[in-house]
Amino acid sequence: MARAFGCARVVFNDGLRARQEAHEQGLPYRSPEQVKTRQLIDGVVPLIDRLVGLSRLRVLRPVTRQALALIRTLRH
């Protein structure tokens, strides 16, 4: 049991240190999950932009609607 709590304490201290370093540098703290989410959004936005541009083509309209519905779902 002590070993498990020791591991948890190490993980907590690492996270605390990362937050403190970000604060000292005047930066917002970003967890690894937040960084991955931001990378996903940054990669998807140009793709959605292209799909919206191509939505004038009748064949791609359903795909565009699905992509926009997905974005609306993720935003809420």
C-alpha atoms as a PDB file:
ATOM      1  CA  MET A   1       0.000   0.000   0.000  1.00  0.00           C
ATOM      2  CA  ALA A   2       2.827   2.382   0.818  1.00  0.00           C
ATOM      3  CA  ARG A   3       4.301   1.704  -2.598  1.00  0.00           C
ATOM      4  CA  ALA A   4       1.052   2.697  -4.350  1.00  0.00           C
ATOM      5  CA  PHE A   5       0.782   5.902  -2.336  1.00  0.00           C
ATOM      6  CA  GLY A   6       4.440   6.639  -3.048  1.00  0.00           C
ATOM      7  CA  CYS A   7       3.798   6.339  -6.787  1.00  0.00           C
ATOM      8  CA  ALA A   8       0.739   8.560  -6.527  1.00  0.00           C
ATOM      9  CA  ARG A   9       2.730  11.133  -4.576  1.00  0.00           C
ATOM     10  CA  VAL A  10       5.444  11.166  -7.271  1.00  0.00           C
ATOM     11  CA  VAL A  11       2.861  11.722 -10.018  1.00  0.00           C
ATOM     12  CA  PHE A  12       1.153  14.462  -7.997  1.00  0.00           C
ATOM     13  CA  ASN A  13       4.471  16.195  -7.276  1.00  0.00           C
ATOM     14  CA  ASP A  14       5.439  16.059 -10.961  1.00  0.00           C
ATOM     15  CA  GLY A  15       2.148  17.673 -11.933  1.00  0.00           C
ATOM     16  CA  LEU A  16       2.518  20.287  -9.211  1.00  0.00           C
ATOM     17  CA  ARG A  17       6.050  21.111 -10.354  1.00  0.00           C
ATOM     18  CA  ALA A  18       4.880  21.496 -13.968  1.00  0.00           C
ATOM     19  CA  ARG A  19       2.128  23.887 -12.856  1.00  0.00           C
ATOM     20  CA  GLN A  20       4.558  25.929 -10.748  1.00  0.00           C
ATOM     21  CA  GLU A  21       7.081  26.187 -13.584  1.00  0.00           C
ATOM     22  CA  ALA A  22       4.377  27.344 -15.985  1.00  0.00           C
ATOM     23  CA  HIS A  23       3.172  29.902 -13.430  1.00  0.00           C
ATOM     24  CA  GLU A  24       6.705  31.227 -12.873  1.00  0.00           C
ATOM     25  CA  GLN A  25       7.111  31.703 -16.619  1.00  0.00           C
ATOM     26  CA  GLY A  26       3.767  33.467 -16.844  1.00  0.00           C
ATOM     27  CA  LEU A  27       2.322  30.711 -19.021  1.00  0.00           C
ATOM     28  CA  PRO A  28      -0.944  28.862 -18.587  1.00  0.00           C
ATOM     29  CA  TYR A  29      -0.532  25.248 -17.533  1.00  0.00           C
ATOM     30  CA  ARG A  30      -1.545  22.752 -20.185  1.00  0.00           C
ATOM     31  CA  SER A  31      -1.985  19.105 -19.301  1.00  0.00           C
ATOM     32  CA  PRO A  32      -0.848  16.504 -21.850  1.00  0.00           C
ATOM     33  CA  GLU A  33      -4.505  15.879 -22.684  1.00  0.00           C
ATOM     34  CA  GLN A  34      -5.075  19.574 -23.365  1.00  0.00           C
ATOM     35  CA  VAL A  35      -2.027  19.660 -25.626  1.00  0.00           C
ATOM     36  CA  LYS A  36      -3.307  16.657 -27.616  1.00  0.00           C
ATOM     37  CA  THR A  37      -6.750  18.214 -27.921  1.00  0.00           C
ATOM     38  CA  ARG A  38      -5.259  21.485 -29.179  1.00  0.00           C
ATOM     39  CA  GLN A  39      -3.158  19.591 -31.754  1.00  0.00           C
ATOM     40  CA  LEU A  40      -6.257  17.740 -32.929  1.00  0.00           C
ATOM     41  CA  ILE A  41      -8.198  20.974 -33.300  1.00  0.00           C
ATOM     42  CA  ASP A  42      -5.318  22.674 -35.112  1.00  0.00           C
ATOM     43  CA  GLY A  43      -5.166  19.771 -37.565  1.00  0.00           C
ATOM     44  CA  VAL A  44      -8.923  19.492 -38.133  1.00  0.00           C
ATOM     45  CA  VAL A  45      -9.688  23.166 -38.728  1.00  0.00           C
ATOM     46  CA  PRO A  46      -7.917  23.369 -42.135  1.00  0.00           C
ATOM     47  CA  LEU A  47      -9.633  20.148 -43.185  1.00  0.00           C
ATOM     48  CA  ILE A  48     -13.054  21.517 -42.256  1.00  0.00           C
ATOM     49  CA  ASP A  49     -12.230  24.734 -44.070  1.00  0.00           C
ATOM     50  CA  ARG A  50     -11.526  22.758 -47.229  1.00  0.00           C
ATOM     51  CA  LEU A  51     -14.709  20.714 -46.829  1.00  0.00           C
ATOM     52  CA  VAL A  52     -16.802  23.840 -46.428  1.00  0.00           C
ATOM     53  CA  GLY A  53     -15.160  25.283 -49.526  1.00  0.00           C
ATOM     54  CA  LEU A  54     -15.963  22.117 -51.460  1.00  0.00           C
ATOM     55  CA  SER A  55     -19.528  21.986 -50.148  1.00  0.00           C
ATOM     56  CA  ARG A  56     -20.604  23.752 -53.311  1.00  0.00           C
ATOM     57  CA  LEU A  57     -20.199  20.392 -54.985  1.00  0.00           C
ATOM     58  CA  ARG A  58     -23.404  18.469 -54.542  1.00  0.00           C
ATOM     59  CA  VAL A  59     -21.576  15.177 -53.934  1.00  0.00           C
ATOM     60  CA  LEU A  60     -19.758  16.503 -50.859  1.00  0.00           C
ATOM     61  CA  ARG A  61     -22.680  18.242 -49.151  1.00  0.00           C
ATOM     62  CA  PRO A  62     -23.618  15.243 -46.952  1.00  0.00           C
ATOM     63  CA  VAL A  63     -20.006  14.860 -45.821  1.00  0.00           C
ATOM     64  CA  THR A  64     -19.830  18.552 -45.000  1.00  0.00           C
ATOM     65  CA  ARG A  65     -23.046  18.343 -42.991  1.00  0.00           C
ATOM     66  CA  GLN A  66     -21.680  15.384 -41.023  1.00  0.00           C
ATOM     67  CA  ALA A  67     -18.409  17.174 -40.297  1.00  0.00           C
ATOM     68  CA  LEU A  68     -20.204  20.311 -39.128  1.00  0.00           C
ATOM     69  CA  ALA A  69     -22.541  18.251 -36.939  1.00  0.00           C
ATOM     70  CA  LEU A  70     -19.522  16.571 -35.366  1.00  0.00           C
ATOM     71  CA  ILE A  71     -17.914  19.932 -34.635  1.00  0.00           C
ATOM     72  CA  ARG A  72     -21.124  21.233 -33.074  1.00  0.00           C
ATOM     73  CA  THR A  73     -21.289  18.147 -30.884  1.00  0.00           C
ATOM     74  CA  LEU A  74     -17.697  18.550 -29.730  1.00  0.00           C
ATOM     75  CA  ARG A  75     -18.096  22.227 -28.952  1.00  0.00           C
ATOM     76  CA  HIS A  76     -20.961  21.648 -26.526  1.00  0.00           C
END
